[in-house]
Structures are given as structure tokens and as C-alpha cells.
Amino acid sequence: MSPPERLCGFLFLLLAGCAGPLPAADPGQAWIDLTHLEPTDNLLAERLDGQWLDDGRYFQVQPGAHRLEVRFTFKPSGSSWGPYNQQECLLDIRYAGFRAGLHYRINAFTMGFTPHVVLQDDRQQDLAEARLVFCWL
């Protein structure tokens, strides 16, 4: 194995160990999972009420109103941009009805170059649609 291959393997193992298991859901708070349809897409929790998060895999919030910011990286459907074919967008979701002990989901998908991100309850009912803040390539 060449030195660059060994370095890549080491970095992969190092980064794979960083994620760790998700913490247990606090029954006194609302839990919000992040999901996306395409395996090449990536959806991360960025900020909660303007504060940066340590773990971008989920949100856990007190009951009430909150502002959730997510970063959605995706390949626009039907695009053929070559090697630089991903678009990255920052989106903002505001919802006032979070309830303790309930599980919610932020679901992300695209239609062409347009990202769609919605907050859903545990019955997959849409509760709020994200507002696009900006996108870049």
C-alpha cells in the first residue's frame, strides 16, 4: 500500500470514529431527526436559535418555539455539471409547537436545483416548510 493510500485509510478510520452513537433522547425535550432521500445528499443541523451546535446529526429542543438552521448539500437532480456537481444551501425552519417527548423529522429532497426541506411530526404530517437563506456551489 502506498503512503497516500495509507494516509487516506488512516483518515477514514479517524473520522469514522468521531461520530459515535447518538445520545439518548431526553423525555423532557423534543427530538428532531434529519433525513434525506438521496445517498449522495447530506443534511446537517447547524444552529438552534442562533447558537452553533456541537453535533450536526440531530436537534433536541425544549418545548415551545425554536428556529432551526440546516445545511443541505445535494446534487441537483438531472444535472451534469461534471466533477463539481454539488450545491450547498442554508435553510431556516421556524416552528412554535415543539412538545416534550415527541419525535419530529426534518426531511430534505430536491426538485432540479431547488431544495425542499420540511419539518414533520411522527405521523409524517408537514408542520413547517424551511425558508431558503442562500445557496452556493
N, C-alpha and C. Protein backbone atom coordinates (compact mmCIF):
# COMPACT_ATOMS: atom_id res chain seq x y z
N MET A 1 0.86 -1.18 0.00
CA MET A 1 0.00 0.00 0.00
C MET A 1 0.90 1.24 0.00
N SER A 2 0.59 2.19 -0.88
CA SER A 2 1.40 3.40 -0.99
C SER A 2 1.14 4.33 0.19
N PRO A 3 2.07 5.25 0.48
CA PRO A 3 1.85 6.19 1.59
C PRO A 3 0.55 7.00 1.47
N PRO A 4 0.18 7.51 0.27
CA PRO A 4 -1.10 8.24 0.20
C PRO A 4 -2.30 7.35 0.52
N GLU A 5 -2.25 6.08 0.09
CA GLU A 5 -3.35 5.16 0.39
C GLU A 5 -3.44 4.89 1.88
N ARG A 6 -2.27 4.73 2.54
CA ARG A 6 -2.27 4.51 3.99
C ARG A 6 -2.82 5.73 4.72
N LEU A 7 -2.43 6.92 4.27
CA LEU A 7 -2.91 8.15 4.89
C LEU A 7 -4.42 8.28 4.74
N CYS A 8 -4.94 7.99 3.55
CA CYS A 8 -6.39 8.04 3.33
C CYS A 8 -7.12 7.05 4.22
N GLY A 9 -6.57 5.84 4.33
CA GLY A 9 -7.19 4.83 5.20
C GLY A 9 -7.19 5.26 6.65
N PHE A 10 -6.07 5.83 7.11
CA PHE A 10 -5.98 6.31 8.49
C PHE A 10 -6.99 7.43 8.74
N LEU A 11 -7.08 8.39 7.82
CA LEU A 11 -8.02 9.50 7.99
C LEU A 11 -9.46 9.01 8.00
N PHE A 12 -9.77 8.03 7.16
CA PHE A 12 -11.12 7.47 7.14
C PHE A 12 -11.46 6.86 8.50
N LEU A 13 -10.56 6.05 9.04
CA LEU A 13 -10.81 5.42 10.33
C LEU A 13 -10.91 6.46 11.45
N LEU A 14 -10.07 7.47 11.39
CA LEU A 14 -10.11 8.52 12.40
C LEU A 14 -11.44 9.26 12.38
N LEU A 15 -11.88 9.63 11.19
CA LEU A 15 -13.14 10.37 11.07
C LEU A 15 -14.35 9.49 11.35
N ALA A 16 -14.29 8.24 10.99
CA ALA A 16 -15.41 7.33 11.25
C ALA A 16 -15.64 7.18 12.74
N GLY A 17 -14.60 7.24 13.53
CA GLY A 17 -14.73 7.11 14.98
C GLY A 17 -15.23 8.37 15.66
N CYS A 18 -15.25 9.49 14.97
CA CYS A 18 -15.67 10.75 15.57
C CYS A 18 -17.17 10.83 15.79
N ALA A 19 -17.93 10.17 14.96
CA ALA A 19 -19.38 10.31 15.02
C ALA A 19 -19.94 9.76 16.32
N GLY A 20 -19.61 8.55 16.67
CA GLY A 20 -20.12 7.95 17.89
C GLY A 20 -21.62 7.75 17.84
N PRO A 21 -22.15 7.09 18.85
CA PRO A 21 -23.60 6.85 18.89
C PRO A 21 -24.36 8.13 19.24
N LEU A 22 -25.60 8.18 18.81
CA LEU A 22 -26.46 9.30 19.19
C LEU A 22 -26.78 9.20 20.68
N PRO A 23 -26.90 10.33 21.36
CA PRO A 23 -27.28 10.27 22.77
C PRO A 23 -28.74 9.81 22.91
N ALA A 24 -29.10 9.39 24.10
CA ALA A 24 -30.49 9.01 24.37
C ALA A 24 -31.36 10.26 24.34
N ALA A 25 -32.57 10.11 23.82
CA ALA A 25 -33.50 11.25 23.77
C ALA A 25 -33.94 11.60 25.19
N ASP A 26 -33.94 12.88 25.51
CA ASP A 26 -34.41 13.38 26.80
C ASP A 26 -35.93 13.48 26.74
N PRO A 27 -36.68 12.79 27.60
CA PRO A 27 -38.14 12.84 27.54
C PRO A 27 -38.72 14.21 27.86
N GLY A 28 -37.92 15.09 28.43
CA GLY A 28 -38.38 16.45 28.73
C GLY A 28 -38.20 17.41 27.56
N GLN A 29 -37.67 16.89 26.45
CA GLN A 29 -37.41 17.72 25.27
C GLN A 29 -38.00 17.06 24.02
N ALA A 30 -38.02 17.80 22.93
CA ALA A 30 -38.42 17.27 21.63
C ALA A 30 -37.16 16.85 20.88
N TRP A 31 -37.23 15.74 20.17
CA TRP A 31 -36.11 15.21 19.38
C TRP A 31 -36.44 15.39 17.91
N ILE A 32 -35.46 15.89 17.13
CA ILE A 32 -35.67 16.09 15.71
C ILE A 32 -34.58 15.36 14.93
N ASP A 33 -34.98 14.33 14.18
CA ASP A 33 -34.07 13.60 13.29
C ASP A 33 -33.93 14.34 11.97
N LEU A 34 -32.84 14.08 11.27
CA LEU A 34 -32.60 14.66 9.95
C LEU A 34 -32.54 13.55 8.92
N THR A 35 -33.31 13.66 7.84
CA THR A 35 -33.31 12.64 6.80
C THR A 35 -33.27 13.29 5.42
N HIS A 36 -32.73 12.55 4.46
CA HIS A 36 -32.70 12.99 3.06
C HIS A 36 -32.91 11.77 2.18
N LEU A 37 -33.38 12.00 0.97
CA LEU A 37 -33.76 10.89 0.10
C LEU A 37 -32.59 10.24 -0.63
N GLU A 38 -31.66 11.03 -1.09
CA GLU A 38 -30.58 10.51 -1.93
C GLU A 38 -29.34 10.19 -1.09
N PRO A 39 -28.68 9.05 -1.35
CA PRO A 39 -27.49 8.70 -0.56
C PRO A 39 -26.32 9.67 -0.77
N THR A 40 -26.32 10.42 -1.87
CA THR A 40 -25.24 11.38 -2.11
C THR A 40 -25.51 12.72 -1.45
N ASP A 41 -26.70 12.92 -0.90
CA ASP A 41 -27.04 14.18 -0.23
C ASP A 41 -26.55 14.15 1.22
N ASN A 42 -26.46 15.32 1.81
CA ASN A 42 -26.06 15.44 3.21
C ASN A 42 -26.88 16.56 3.85
N LEU A 43 -27.45 16.28 5.00
CA LEU A 43 -28.25 17.25 5.74
C LEU A 43 -27.69 17.34 7.15
N LEU A 44 -27.29 18.54 7.57
CA LEU A 44 -26.70 18.74 8.88
C LEU A 44 -27.41 19.83 9.66
N ALA A 45 -27.56 19.60 10.95
CA ALA A 45 -28.07 20.63 11.86
C ALA A 45 -26.93 21.63 12.09
N GLU A 46 -27.19 22.90 11.85
CA GLU A 46 -26.16 23.92 12.00
C GLU A 46 -26.31 24.71 13.30
N ARG A 47 -27.48 25.35 13.44
CA ARG A 47 -27.70 26.22 14.60
C ARG A 47 -29.11 26.05 15.15
N LEU A 48 -29.23 26.25 16.44
CA LEU A 48 -30.51 26.23 17.14
C LEU A 48 -30.67 27.59 17.81
N ASP A 49 -31.69 28.33 17.41
CA ASP A 49 -31.94 29.68 17.96
C ASP A 49 -30.69 30.56 17.87
N GLY A 50 -29.95 30.43 16.76
CA GLY A 50 -28.77 31.25 16.52
C GLY A 50 -27.49 30.74 17.13
N GLN A 51 -27.53 29.66 17.91
CA GLN A 51 -26.34 29.11 18.56
C GLN A 51 -25.83 27.90 17.77
N TRP A 52 -24.51 27.87 17.50
CA TRP A 52 -23.91 26.74 16.78
C TRP A 52 -24.05 25.47 17.60
N LEU A 53 -24.25 24.35 16.91
CA LEU A 53 -24.39 23.05 17.57
C LEU A 53 -23.08 22.27 17.50
N ASP A 54 -22.86 21.42 18.50
CA ASP A 54 -21.67 20.57 18.53
C ASP A 54 -21.84 19.32 17.67
N ASP A 55 -23.07 18.85 17.53
CA ASP A 55 -23.34 17.62 16.78
C ASP A 55 -24.41 17.91 15.73
N GLY A 56 -24.06 17.80 14.46
CA GLY A 56 -24.97 18.15 13.37
C GLY A 56 -25.92 17.05 12.95
N ARG A 57 -26.01 15.96 13.70
CA ARG A 57 -26.84 14.83 13.29
C ARG A 57 -28.29 14.93 13.77
N TYR A 58 -28.61 15.83 14.68
CA TYR A 58 -29.95 15.91 15.24
C TYR A 58 -30.14 17.25 15.95
N PHE A 59 -31.38 17.54 16.30
CA PHE A 59 -31.70 18.64 17.20
C PHE A 59 -32.43 18.04 18.40
N GLN A 60 -32.22 18.62 19.58
CA GLN A 60 -33.01 18.28 20.76
C GLN A 60 -33.35 19.63 21.41
N VAL A 61 -34.64 19.91 21.55
CA VAL A 61 -35.07 21.25 21.96
C VAL A 61 -36.07 21.20 23.11
N GLN A 62 -36.09 22.26 23.88
CA GLN A 62 -37.11 22.45 24.91
C GLN A 62 -38.46 22.66 24.23
N PRO A 63 -39.55 22.37 24.91
CA PRO A 63 -40.87 22.65 24.32
C PRO A 63 -41.01 24.13 23.97
N GLY A 64 -41.83 24.41 22.94
CA GLY A 64 -42.08 25.79 22.56
C GLY A 64 -41.57 26.14 21.17
N ALA A 65 -41.29 27.42 20.98
CA ALA A 65 -40.89 27.95 19.68
C ALA A 65 -39.38 27.93 19.51
N HIS A 66 -38.93 27.54 18.30
CA HIS A 66 -37.50 27.50 18.01
C HIS A 66 -37.25 27.78 16.54
N ARG A 67 -36.03 28.24 16.30
CA ARG A 67 -35.53 28.45 14.93
C ARG A 67 -34.40 27.44 14.71
N LEU A 68 -34.57 26.59 13.71
CA LEU A 68 -33.60 25.56 13.37
C LEU A 68 -32.95 25.91 12.04
N GLU A 69 -31.64 25.88 11.98
CA GLU A 69 -30.94 26.13 10.72
C GLU A 69 -30.24 24.84 10.30
N VAL A 70 -30.42 24.49 9.03
CA VAL A 70 -29.80 23.29 8.48
C VAL A 70 -28.99 23.63 7.24
N ARG A 71 -27.97 22.80 7.00
CA ARG A 71 -27.15 22.91 5.78
C ARG A 71 -27.44 21.66 4.95
N PHE A 72 -27.89 21.88 3.72
CA PHE A 72 -28.26 20.78 2.83
C PHE A 72 -27.34 20.81 1.62
N THR A 73 -26.57 19.74 1.44
CA THR A 73 -25.67 19.59 0.31
C THR A 73 -26.25 18.50 -0.59
N PHE A 74 -26.40 18.81 -1.88
CA PHE A 74 -27.05 17.87 -2.77
C PHE A 74 -26.57 18.04 -4.20
N LYS A 75 -26.78 17.00 -4.98
CA LYS A 75 -26.53 17.06 -6.42
C LYS A 75 -27.89 17.37 -7.06
N PRO A 76 -28.00 18.51 -7.75
CA PRO A 76 -29.28 18.83 -8.38
C PRO A 76 -29.74 17.72 -9.30
N SER A 77 -30.98 17.30 -9.16
CA SER A 77 -31.50 16.20 -9.97
C SER A 77 -31.49 16.59 -11.45
N GLY A 78 -31.01 15.69 -12.28
CA GLY A 78 -30.95 15.94 -13.71
C GLY A 78 -29.76 16.77 -14.15
N SER A 79 -28.84 17.11 -13.23
CA SER A 79 -27.71 17.96 -13.62
C SER A 79 -26.54 17.11 -14.06
N SER A 80 -25.70 17.69 -14.90
CA SER A 80 -24.47 17.02 -15.32
C SER A 80 -23.37 18.08 -15.37
N TRP A 81 -23.03 18.57 -14.20
CA TRP A 81 -22.02 19.61 -14.09
C TRP A 81 -20.60 19.10 -14.14
N GLY A 82 -20.41 17.81 -14.23
CA GLY A 82 -19.07 17.26 -14.19
C GLY A 82 -18.66 17.00 -12.75
N PRO A 83 -17.35 17.15 -12.44
CA PRO A 83 -16.87 16.78 -11.10
C PRO A 83 -17.38 17.72 -10.00
N TYR A 84 -17.75 18.94 -10.34
CA TYR A 84 -18.22 19.90 -9.33
C TYR A 84 -19.73 20.00 -9.43
N ASN A 85 -20.40 18.96 -8.98
CA ASN A 85 -21.82 18.87 -9.25
C ASN A 85 -22.68 18.92 -7.99
N GLN A 86 -22.18 19.53 -6.92
CA GLN A 86 -22.97 19.64 -5.71
C GLN A 86 -23.29 21.10 -5.41
N GLN A 87 -24.46 21.28 -4.88
CA GLN A 87 -24.90 22.60 -4.45
C GLN A 87 -25.10 22.53 -2.94
N GLU A 88 -24.78 23.60 -2.25
CA GLU A 88 -24.93 23.64 -0.80
C GLU A 88 -25.84 24.81 -0.44
N CYS A 89 -26.81 24.56 0.43
CA CYS A 89 -27.78 25.59 0.81
C CYS A 89 -27.95 25.64 2.32
N LEU A 90 -28.18 26.83 2.82
CA LEU A 90 -28.52 27.05 4.22
C LEU A 90 -30.00 27.37 4.27
N LEU A 91 -30.74 26.66 5.12
CA LEU A 91 -32.19 26.84 5.23
C LEU A 91 -32.57 27.05 6.69
N ASP A 92 -33.69 27.72 6.88
CA ASP A 92 -34.15 28.15 8.19
C ASP A 92 -35.58 27.63 8.41
N ILE A 93 -35.81 26.95 9.54
CA ILE A 93 -37.14 26.45 9.87
C ILE A 93 -37.56 27.06 11.20
N ARG A 94 -38.75 27.63 11.22
CA ARG A 94 -39.31 28.19 12.46
C ARG A 94 -40.59 27.44 12.78
N TYR A 95 -40.66 26.99 14.04
CA TYR A 95 -41.85 26.26 14.47
C TYR A 95 -42.10 26.56 15.95
N ALA A 96 -43.34 26.85 16.30
CA ALA A 96 -43.67 27.28 17.65
C ALA A 96 -44.29 26.18 18.51
N GLY A 97 -44.53 24.99 17.96
CA GLY A 97 -45.29 23.99 18.69
C GLY A 97 -44.53 22.75 19.14
N PHE A 98 -43.23 22.83 19.35
CA PHE A 98 -42.50 21.65 19.80
C PHE A 98 -43.01 21.22 21.18
N ARG A 99 -43.20 19.90 21.33
CA ARG A 99 -43.71 19.35 22.59
C ARG A 99 -42.74 18.32 23.15
N ALA A 100 -42.60 18.32 24.46
CA ALA A 100 -41.68 17.41 25.14
C ALA A 100 -42.05 15.96 24.87
N GLY A 101 -41.02 15.14 24.68
CA GLY A 101 -41.21 13.70 24.50
C GLY A 101 -41.61 13.27 23.11
N LEU A 102 -41.87 14.21 22.21
CA LEU A 102 -42.26 13.85 20.85
C LEU A 102 -41.05 13.82 19.92
N HIS A 103 -41.16 13.00 18.88
CA HIS A 103 -40.11 12.90 17.87
C HIS A 103 -40.60 13.56 16.59
N TYR A 104 -39.73 14.36 16.02
CA TYR A 104 -40.01 15.07 14.77
C TYR A 104 -38.95 14.67 13.77
N ARG A 105 -39.15 15.08 12.52
CA ARG A 105 -38.19 14.78 11.48
C ARG A 105 -38.10 15.96 10.52
N ILE A 106 -36.87 16.29 10.14
CA ILE A 106 -36.65 17.25 9.06
C ILE A 106 -36.29 16.43 7.85
N ASN A 107 -37.10 16.53 6.81
CA ASN A 107 -36.94 15.74 5.60
C ASN A 107 -36.51 16.66 4.46
N ALA A 108 -35.44 16.30 3.76
CA ALA A 108 -34.91 17.13 2.68
C ALA A 108 -34.91 16.36 1.36
N PHE A 109 -35.29 17.05 0.30
CA PHE A 109 -35.25 16.48 -1.05
C PHE A 109 -35.11 17.64 -2.03
N THR A 110 -34.87 17.31 -3.30
CA THR A 110 -34.71 18.35 -4.32
C THR A 110 -35.64 18.10 -5.50
N MET A 111 -35.93 19.19 -6.17
CA MET A 111 -36.60 19.14 -7.46
C MET A 111 -35.76 20.02 -8.37
N GLY A 112 -34.91 19.36 -9.19
CA GLY A 112 -33.97 20.11 -10.01
C GLY A 112 -32.95 20.80 -9.12
N PHE A 113 -32.84 22.12 -9.25
CA PHE A 113 -31.88 22.90 -8.46
C PHE A 113 -32.51 23.46 -7.19
N THR A 114 -33.75 23.11 -6.91
CA THR A 114 -34.48 23.70 -5.78
C THR A 114 -34.54 22.73 -4.61
N PRO A 115 -33.97 23.14 -3.46
CA PRO A 115 -34.07 22.28 -2.27
C PRO A 115 -35.43 22.46 -1.60
N HIS A 116 -35.96 21.38 -1.07
CA HIS A 116 -37.19 21.41 -0.29
C HIS A 116 -36.91 20.73 1.04
N VAL A 117 -37.15 21.45 2.12
CA VAL A 117 -36.90 20.93 3.46
C VAL A 117 -38.13 21.20 4.30
N VAL A 118 -38.68 20.15 4.92
CA VAL A 118 -39.89 20.29 5.72
C VAL A 118 -39.71 19.64 7.08
N LEU A 119 -40.36 20.21 8.07
CA LEU A 119 -40.43 19.64 9.41
C LEU A 119 -41.71 18.83 9.47
N GLN A 120 -41.59 17.57 9.93
CA GLN A 120 -42.75 16.68 10.02
C GLN A 120 -42.87 16.12 11.44
N ASP A 121 -44.10 15.77 11.81
CA ASP A 121 -44.30 15.11 13.09
C ASP A 121 -44.11 13.60 12.93
N ASP A 122 -44.38 12.84 13.99
CA ASP A 122 -44.14 11.39 13.94
C ASP A 122 -45.13 10.65 13.05
N ARG A 123 -46.18 11.34 12.58
CA ARG A 123 -47.13 10.73 11.63
C ARG A 123 -46.85 11.19 10.20
N GLN A 124 -45.71 11.84 10.00
CA GLN A 124 -45.25 12.37 8.72
C GLN A 124 -46.16 13.46 8.17
N GLN A 125 -46.80 14.20 9.06
CA GLN A 125 -47.59 15.36 8.67
C GLN A 125 -46.66 16.58 8.64
N ASP A 126 -46.73 17.35 7.55
CA ASP A 126 -45.90 18.55 7.44
C ASP A 126 -46.34 19.59 8.46
N LEU A 127 -45.38 20.12 9.21
CA LEU A 127 -45.65 21.14 10.22
C LEU A 127 -45.13 22.51 9.81
N ALA A 128 -43.98 22.53 9.13
CA ALA A 128 -43.37 23.79 8.70
C ALA A 128 -42.46 23.53 7.52
N GLU A 129 -42.41 24.49 6.62
CA GLU A 129 -41.51 24.41 5.47
C GLU A 129 -40.34 25.36 5.70
N ALA A 130 -39.16 24.91 5.33
CA ALA A 130 -37.96 25.74 5.52
C ALA A 130 -37.94 26.91 4.54
N ARG A 131 -37.35 27.98 4.99
CA ARG A 131 -37.12 29.16 4.16
C ARG A 131 -35.67 29.11 3.70
N LEU A 132 -35.45 29.29 2.41
CA LEU A 132 -34.10 29.29 1.85
C LEU A 132 -33.39 30.57 2.26
N VAL A 133 -32.22 30.44 2.90
CA VAL A 133 -31.41 31.60 3.26
C VAL A 133 -30.49 31.94 2.10
N PHE A 134 -29.67 30.98 1.66
CA PHE A 134 -28.86 31.14 0.45
C PHE A 134 -28.25 29.81 0.04
N CYS A 135 -27.80 29.77 -1.21
CA CYS A 135 -27.13 28.59 -1.77
C CYS A 135 -25.83 29.03 -2.42
N TRP A 136 -24.89 28.12 -2.49
CA TRP A 136 -23.64 28.35 -3.20
C TRP A 136 -23.16 27.03 -3.78
N LEU A 137 -22.23 27.12 -4.71
CA LEU A 137 -21.69 25.91 -5.36
C LEU A 137 -20.40 25.50 -4.69
